[in-house]
Amino acid sequence: MSNEASDIVSTIIAKWCAGFATLDAAALSSLYAKNAFFFGSNPKLYRGRDGVADYFNGLPRWRKPSAAFSEVNAAKAGPDLINMGATITFDLAGERPDFVVKMSWVLIREDGEWKIVNHHASSKAPLI
């Protein structure tokens, strides 16, 4: 993992986890590109920052949600493009069982800032 890509991804992960801890849809959606594609924990494709905000506003209002990223891999795919793959463990303080997902992000530099342009979560459990 390149240091620059790793540093950029680590910064966004920290902001993402902070936003998720309070289910702050505005803070979370601000991390995404204007034309982002977002596949979360349901089958719907959400588009753009408004779509990302709709997704997070639609989640149950858990009292103390948290997300922990592990197995983070990041690599520059071009001067303004970073690929990231990780595992996320969600802890919802007993309000529902903890669960683990595979996450991939594609980040682009948009208006001088790094933003998530593609977000894809999928089951960690094998499907086949």
N, C-alpha and C. Protein backbone atom coordinates (compact mmCIF):
# COMPACT_ATOMS: atom_id res chain seq x y z
N MET A 1 0.86 -1.17 0.00
CA MET A 1 0.00 0.00 0.00
C MET A 1 0.90 1.23 0.00
N SER A 2 0.70 2.11 -0.95
CA SER A 2 1.53 3.31 -1.02
C SER A 2 1.21 4.22 0.15
N ASN A 3 2.22 4.93 0.64
CA ASN A 3 2.02 5.81 1.79
C ASN A 3 0.99 6.89 1.50
N GLU A 4 1.07 7.50 0.31
CA GLU A 4 0.12 8.57 0.00
C GLU A 4 -1.31 8.04 -0.05
N ALA A 5 -1.52 6.93 -0.74
CA ALA A 5 -2.86 6.34 -0.82
C ALA A 5 -3.34 5.93 0.57
N SER A 6 -2.46 5.33 1.34
CA SER A 6 -2.80 4.89 2.69
C SER A 6 -3.21 6.08 3.57
N ASP A 7 -2.45 7.17 3.49
CA ASP A 7 -2.76 8.35 4.31
C ASP A 7 -4.11 8.95 3.92
N ILE A 8 -4.36 9.05 2.63
CA ILE A 8 -5.63 9.61 2.14
C ILE A 8 -6.79 8.74 2.60
N VAL A 9 -6.66 7.43 2.42
CA VAL A 9 -7.74 6.51 2.81
C VAL A 9 -7.94 6.53 4.32
N SER A 10 -6.85 6.56 5.09
CA SER A 10 -6.97 6.58 6.55
C SER A 10 -7.73 7.81 7.03
N THR A 11 -7.48 8.95 6.39
CA THR A 11 -8.18 10.19 6.76
C THR A 11 -9.66 10.06 6.48
N ILE A 12 -10.01 9.52 5.32
CA ILE A 12 -11.43 9.38 4.98
C ILE A 12 -12.10 8.34 5.88
N ILE A 13 -11.41 7.25 6.18
CA ILE A 13 -11.98 6.24 7.09
C ILE A 13 -12.28 6.87 8.45
N ALA A 14 -11.37 7.68 8.98
CA ALA A 14 -11.59 8.31 10.29
C ALA A 14 -12.83 9.20 10.25
N LYS A 15 -12.98 9.99 9.19
CA LYS A 15 -14.16 10.86 9.06
C LYS A 15 -15.43 10.03 8.89
N TRP A 16 -15.33 8.94 8.12
CA TRP A 16 -16.49 8.08 7.88
C TRP A 16 -16.94 7.44 9.19
N CYS A 17 -16.00 6.91 9.96
CA CYS A 17 -16.34 6.27 11.25
C CYS A 17 -16.94 7.27 12.23
N ALA A 18 -16.40 8.50 12.24
CA ALA A 18 -16.95 9.53 13.13
C ALA A 18 -18.38 9.88 12.72
N GLY A 19 -18.63 10.01 11.44
CA GLY A 19 -19.99 10.30 10.95
C GLY A 19 -20.94 9.15 11.24
N PHE A 20 -20.45 7.91 11.07
CA PHE A 20 -21.31 6.75 11.31
C PHE A 20 -21.67 6.64 12.79
N ALA A 21 -20.76 6.99 13.66
CA ALA A 21 -20.99 6.88 15.11
C ALA A 21 -22.18 7.73 15.56
N THR A 22 -22.49 8.79 14.82
CA THR A 22 -23.64 9.64 15.17
C THR A 22 -24.72 9.57 14.08
N LEU A 23 -24.53 8.70 13.09
CA LEU A 23 -25.44 8.57 11.96
C LEU A 23 -25.73 9.94 11.34
N ASP A 24 -24.66 10.70 11.16
CA ASP A 24 -24.74 12.06 10.62
C ASP A 24 -24.71 11.98 9.09
N ALA A 25 -25.90 11.96 8.49
CA ALA A 25 -26.00 11.78 7.04
C ALA A 25 -25.33 12.92 6.28
N ALA A 26 -25.40 14.14 6.79
CA ALA A 26 -24.77 15.27 6.11
C ALA A 26 -23.25 15.13 6.12
N ALA A 27 -22.68 14.77 7.26
CA ALA A 27 -21.23 14.60 7.35
C ALA A 27 -20.78 13.44 6.47
N LEU A 28 -21.51 12.34 6.50
CA LEU A 28 -21.14 11.18 5.69
C LEU A 28 -21.27 11.49 4.20
N SER A 29 -22.37 12.09 3.78
CA SER A 29 -22.56 12.35 2.35
C SER A 29 -21.52 13.33 1.82
N SER A 30 -20.98 14.19 2.68
CA SER A 30 -19.96 15.15 2.24
C SER A 30 -18.66 14.47 1.84
N LEU A 31 -18.48 13.21 2.23
CA LEU A 31 -17.27 12.45 1.88
C LEU A 31 -17.36 11.85 0.48
N TYR A 32 -18.51 11.97 -0.16
CA TYR A 32 -18.77 11.33 -1.45
C TYR A 32 -18.75 12.35 -2.58
N ALA A 33 -18.41 11.87 -3.76
CA ALA A 33 -18.37 12.70 -4.96
C ALA A 33 -19.78 13.06 -5.41
N LYS A 34 -19.86 14.12 -6.19
CA LYS A 34 -21.17 14.59 -6.69
C LYS A 34 -21.91 13.48 -7.44
N ASN A 35 -21.18 12.66 -8.19
CA ASN A 35 -21.81 11.60 -9.00
C ASN A 35 -21.53 10.21 -8.44
N ALA A 36 -21.47 10.10 -7.13
CA ALA A 36 -21.15 8.82 -6.49
C ALA A 36 -22.22 7.77 -6.78
N PHE A 37 -21.78 6.52 -6.86
CA PHE A 37 -22.65 5.33 -6.84
C PHE A 37 -22.43 4.67 -5.49
N PHE A 38 -23.50 4.24 -4.83
CA PHE A 38 -23.42 3.72 -3.47
C PHE A 38 -24.31 2.49 -3.34
N PHE A 39 -23.68 1.34 -3.12
CA PHE A 39 -24.39 0.12 -2.75
C PHE A 39 -24.07 -0.14 -1.29
N GLY A 40 -25.09 -0.06 -0.43
CA GLY A 40 -24.90 -0.30 0.99
C GLY A 40 -25.43 -1.66 1.39
N SER A 41 -26.21 -1.68 2.46
CA SER A 41 -26.67 -2.95 3.03
C SER A 41 -28.02 -3.40 2.48
N ASN A 42 -28.53 -2.70 1.48
CA ASN A 42 -29.75 -3.17 0.84
C ASN A 42 -29.51 -3.18 -0.68
N PRO A 43 -30.42 -3.74 -1.46
CA PRO A 43 -30.15 -3.91 -2.90
C PRO A 43 -30.18 -2.64 -3.74
N LYS A 44 -30.68 -1.53 -3.19
CA LYS A 44 -30.86 -0.32 -3.99
C LYS A 44 -29.53 0.37 -4.29
N LEU A 45 -29.41 0.89 -5.50
CA LEU A 45 -28.28 1.74 -5.88
C LEU A 45 -28.67 3.19 -5.57
N TYR A 46 -27.90 3.81 -4.67
CA TYR A 46 -28.10 5.22 -4.34
C TYR A 46 -27.11 6.03 -5.16
N ARG A 47 -27.55 7.21 -5.63
CA ARG A 47 -26.70 8.01 -6.51
C ARG A 47 -26.52 9.42 -5.97
N GLY A 48 -25.28 9.90 -6.06
CA GLY A 48 -24.97 11.26 -5.65
C GLY A 48 -25.02 11.46 -4.15
N ARG A 49 -24.65 12.66 -3.73
CA ARG A 49 -24.63 12.97 -2.29
C ARG A 49 -26.03 12.90 -1.68
N ASP A 50 -27.05 13.31 -2.43
CA ASP A 50 -28.42 13.23 -1.91
C ASP A 50 -28.81 11.78 -1.68
N GLY A 51 -28.43 10.90 -2.59
CA GLY A 51 -28.72 9.48 -2.43
C GLY A 51 -28.01 8.89 -1.23
N VAL A 52 -26.74 9.27 -1.04
CA VAL A 52 -25.98 8.78 0.13
C VAL A 52 -26.66 9.26 1.41
N ALA A 53 -27.06 10.52 1.44
CA ALA A 53 -27.76 11.05 2.63
C ALA A 53 -29.07 10.30 2.86
N ASP A 54 -29.81 10.01 1.78
CA ASP A 54 -31.05 9.24 1.92
C ASP A 54 -30.78 7.88 2.54
N TYR A 55 -29.72 7.22 2.09
CA TYR A 55 -29.37 5.90 2.65
C TYR A 55 -29.14 6.02 4.16
N PHE A 56 -28.26 6.93 4.56
CA PHE A 56 -27.93 7.02 5.98
C PHE A 56 -29.10 7.53 6.82
N ASN A 57 -29.93 8.42 6.27
CA ASN A 57 -31.12 8.88 6.99
C ASN A 57 -32.14 7.76 7.14
N GLY A 58 -32.09 6.76 6.25
CA GLY A 58 -33.03 5.65 6.29
C GLY A 58 -32.64 4.52 7.23
N LEU A 59 -31.44 4.58 7.79
CA LEU A 59 -31.01 3.53 8.72
C LEU A 59 -31.74 3.65 10.05
N PRO A 60 -31.89 2.53 10.76
CA PRO A 60 -32.46 2.62 12.11
C PRO A 60 -31.60 3.56 12.97
N ARG A 61 -32.21 4.21 13.91
CA ARG A 61 -31.49 5.15 14.79
C ARG A 61 -30.90 4.39 15.98
N TRP A 62 -29.84 3.63 15.72
CA TRP A 62 -29.18 2.89 16.78
C TRP A 62 -28.61 3.87 17.80
N ARG A 63 -28.57 3.45 19.05
CA ARG A 63 -28.08 4.33 20.12
C ARG A 63 -26.58 4.57 20.04
N LYS A 64 -25.81 3.50 19.72
CA LYS A 64 -24.35 3.64 19.77
C LYS A 64 -23.70 2.81 18.67
N PRO A 65 -23.90 3.23 17.41
CA PRO A 65 -23.29 2.46 16.32
C PRO A 65 -21.80 2.73 16.20
N SER A 66 -21.05 1.72 15.80
CA SER A 66 -19.65 1.95 15.49
C SER A 66 -19.22 1.01 14.37
N ALA A 67 -18.19 1.44 13.67
CA ALA A 67 -17.64 0.67 12.56
C ALA A 67 -16.13 0.64 12.72
N ALA A 68 -15.55 -0.55 12.54
CA ALA A 68 -14.10 -0.70 12.62
C ALA A 68 -13.60 -1.32 11.32
N PHE A 69 -12.68 -0.62 10.66
CA PHE A 69 -12.09 -1.10 9.42
C PHE A 69 -10.87 -1.95 9.73
N SER A 70 -10.70 -3.03 8.99
CA SER A 70 -9.50 -3.86 9.10
C SER A 70 -9.13 -4.35 7.70
N GLU A 71 -7.97 -4.97 7.59
CA GLU A 71 -7.51 -5.50 6.30
C GLU A 71 -7.63 -4.45 5.19
N VAL A 72 -7.26 -3.21 5.51
CA VAL A 72 -7.38 -2.11 4.55
C VAL A 72 -6.25 -2.19 3.53
N ASN A 73 -6.62 -2.17 2.28
CA ASN A 73 -5.66 -2.11 1.17
C ASN A 73 -6.02 -0.92 0.32
N ALA A 74 -5.01 -0.12 -0.03
CA ALA A 74 -5.26 1.05 -0.88
C ALA A 74 -4.13 1.16 -1.89
N ALA A 75 -4.48 1.56 -3.09
CA ALA A 75 -3.47 1.72 -4.14
C ALA A 75 -3.92 2.81 -5.10
N LYS A 76 -2.99 3.66 -5.49
CA LYS A 76 -3.30 4.65 -6.51
C LYS A 76 -3.49 3.91 -7.83
N ALA A 77 -4.55 4.27 -8.54
CA ALA A 77 -4.82 3.68 -9.85
C ALA A 77 -4.60 4.71 -10.95
N GLY A 78 -4.23 5.90 -10.55
CA GLY A 78 -3.96 7.01 -11.46
C GLY A 78 -3.69 8.24 -10.61
N PRO A 79 -3.33 9.35 -11.21
CA PRO A 79 -2.99 10.53 -10.43
C PRO A 79 -4.14 11.04 -9.56
N ASP A 80 -5.37 10.81 -10.01
CA ASP A 80 -6.55 11.30 -9.29
C ASP A 80 -7.51 10.18 -8.94
N LEU A 81 -6.97 8.97 -8.74
CA LEU A 81 -7.82 7.79 -8.53
C LEU A 81 -7.14 6.85 -7.53
N ILE A 82 -7.90 6.41 -6.53
CA ILE A 82 -7.41 5.44 -5.54
C ILE A 82 -8.45 4.33 -5.39
N ASN A 83 -7.98 3.09 -5.39
CA ASN A 83 -8.81 1.93 -5.07
C ASN A 83 -8.59 1.57 -3.61
N MET A 84 -9.66 1.19 -2.92
CA MET A 84 -9.55 0.74 -1.54
C MET A 84 -10.43 -0.47 -1.35
N GLY A 85 -9.90 -1.45 -0.64
CA GLY A 85 -10.67 -2.62 -0.23
C GLY A 85 -10.41 -2.88 1.24
N ALA A 86 -11.44 -3.25 2.00
CA ALA A 86 -11.29 -3.46 3.43
C ALA A 86 -12.40 -4.36 3.95
N THR A 87 -12.28 -4.72 5.20
CA THR A 87 -13.33 -5.40 5.94
C THR A 87 -13.82 -4.42 6.99
N ILE A 88 -15.13 -4.35 7.17
CA ILE A 88 -15.69 -3.49 8.22
C ILE A 88 -16.54 -4.35 9.15
N THR A 89 -16.27 -4.20 10.43
CA THR A 89 -17.08 -4.83 11.46
C THR A 89 -17.97 -3.76 12.08
N PHE A 90 -19.27 -3.98 12.03
CA PHE A 90 -20.23 -3.04 12.61
C PHE A 90 -20.68 -3.56 13.97
N ASP A 91 -20.61 -2.71 14.98
CA ASP A 91 -21.04 -3.02 16.34
C ASP A 91 -22.20 -2.09 16.66
N LEU A 92 -23.35 -2.67 16.90
CA LEU A 92 -24.54 -1.87 17.16
C LEU A 92 -25.01 -2.01 18.60
N ALA A 93 -24.04 -2.23 19.49
CA ALA A 93 -24.24 -2.22 20.95
C ALA A 93 -25.41 -3.11 21.38
N GLY A 94 -25.51 -4.27 20.74
CA GLY A 94 -26.52 -5.24 21.15
C GLY A 94 -27.92 -4.99 20.60
N GLU A 95 -28.11 -3.90 19.86
CA GLU A 95 -29.44 -3.63 19.31
C GLU A 95 -29.76 -4.54 18.13
N ARG A 96 -28.73 -5.12 17.55
CA ARG A 96 -28.86 -6.17 16.55
C ARG A 96 -27.51 -6.86 16.54
N PRO A 97 -27.42 -8.07 16.04
CA PRO A 97 -26.11 -8.74 16.04
C PRO A 97 -25.08 -7.96 15.23
N ASP A 98 -23.83 -7.98 15.71
CA ASP A 98 -22.74 -7.38 14.95
C ASP A 98 -22.68 -8.08 13.60
N PHE A 99 -22.18 -7.38 12.60
CA PHE A 99 -22.01 -8.01 11.29
C PHE A 99 -20.76 -7.46 10.63
N VAL A 100 -20.27 -8.24 9.66
CA VAL A 100 -19.02 -7.93 8.98
C VAL A 100 -19.31 -7.87 7.49
N VAL A 101 -18.76 -6.86 6.82
CA VAL A 101 -18.92 -6.74 5.38
C VAL A 101 -17.57 -6.52 4.72
N LYS A 102 -17.53 -6.85 3.44
CA LYS A 102 -16.40 -6.46 2.59
C LYS A 102 -16.79 -5.10 2.02
N MET A 103 -15.82 -4.21 1.94
CA MET A 103 -16.10 -2.87 1.43
C MET A 103 -15.08 -2.54 0.36
N SER A 104 -15.56 -1.97 -0.73
CA SER A 104 -14.62 -1.38 -1.69
C SER A 104 -15.07 0.04 -1.98
N TRP A 105 -14.08 0.89 -2.08
CA TRP A 105 -14.30 2.29 -2.45
C TRP A 105 -13.39 2.61 -3.62
N VAL A 106 -13.86 3.47 -4.47
CA VAL A 106 -13.00 4.13 -5.46
C VAL A 106 -13.07 5.61 -5.10
N LEU A 107 -11.90 6.22 -4.93
CA LEU A 107 -11.81 7.63 -4.59
C LEU A 107 -11.26 8.41 -5.77
N ILE A 108 -11.83 9.59 -5.97
CA ILE A 108 -11.32 10.49 -7.01
C ILE A 108 -11.01 11.84 -6.37
N ARG A 109 -10.14 12.57 -7.04
CA ARG A 109 -9.89 13.94 -6.61
C ARG A 109 -10.91 14.81 -7.34
N GLU A 110 -11.77 15.47 -6.56
CA GLU A 110 -12.84 16.29 -7.11
C GLU A 110 -12.73 17.68 -6.49
N ASP A 111 -12.57 18.68 -7.31
CA ASP A 111 -12.42 20.06 -6.83
C ASP A 111 -11.32 20.16 -5.77
N GLY A 112 -10.22 19.42 -5.99
CA GLY A 112 -9.06 19.48 -5.11
C GLY A 112 -9.14 18.64 -3.86
N GLU A 113 -10.24 17.92 -3.66
CA GLU A 113 -10.40 17.08 -2.47
C GLU A 113 -10.67 15.64 -2.88
N TRP A 114 -10.22 14.70 -2.04
CA TRP A 114 -10.47 13.29 -2.30
C TRP A 114 -11.87 12.94 -1.83
N LYS A 115 -12.65 12.31 -2.73
CA LYS A 115 -14.03 11.93 -2.45
C LYS A 115 -14.27 10.49 -2.89
N ILE A 116 -15.20 9.82 -2.23
CA ILE A 116 -15.60 8.46 -2.60
C ILE A 116 -16.56 8.56 -3.77
N VAL A 117 -16.21 7.96 -4.91
CA VAL A 117 -17.09 8.01 -6.08
C VAL A 117 -17.82 6.68 -6.27
N ASN A 118 -17.31 5.62 -5.67
CA ASN A 118 -17.97 4.32 -5.74
C ASN A 118 -17.82 3.63 -4.39
N HIS A 119 -18.93 3.19 -3.82
CA HIS A 119 -18.98 2.54 -2.50
C HIS A 119 -19.76 1.25 -2.70
N HIS A 120 -19.13 0.14 -2.37
CA HIS A 120 -19.80 -1.15 -2.55
C HIS A 120 -19.55 -2.01 -1.32
N ALA A 121 -20.62 -2.34 -0.63
CA ALA A 121 -20.55 -3.25 0.50
C ALA A 121 -21.16 -4.59 0.09
N SER A 122 -20.54 -5.67 0.54
CA SER A 122 -21.10 -6.99 0.25
C SER A 122 -20.83 -7.92 1.43
N SER A 123 -21.55 -9.00 1.44
CA SER A 123 -21.46 -9.96 2.55
C SER A 123 -20.06 -10.55 2.65
N LYS A 124 -19.58 -10.66 3.86
CA LYS A 124 -18.29 -11.33 4.09
C LYS A 124 -18.47 -12.85 3.97
N ALA A 125 -19.67 -13.32 4.24
CA ALA A 125 -19.95 -14.76 4.15
C ALA A 125 -19.91 -15.18 2.67
N PRO A 126 -19.30 -16.31 2.37
CA PRO A 126 -19.25 -16.77 0.98
C PRO A 126 -20.65 -17.01 0.43
N LEU A 127 -20.84 -16.62 -0.83
CA LEU A 127 -22.13 -16.84 -1.48
C LEU A 127 -22.14 -18.14 -2.26
N ILE A 128 -20.97 -18.63 -2.63
CA ILE A 128 -20.87 -19.88 -3.40
C ILE A 128 -19.94 -20.83 -2.67
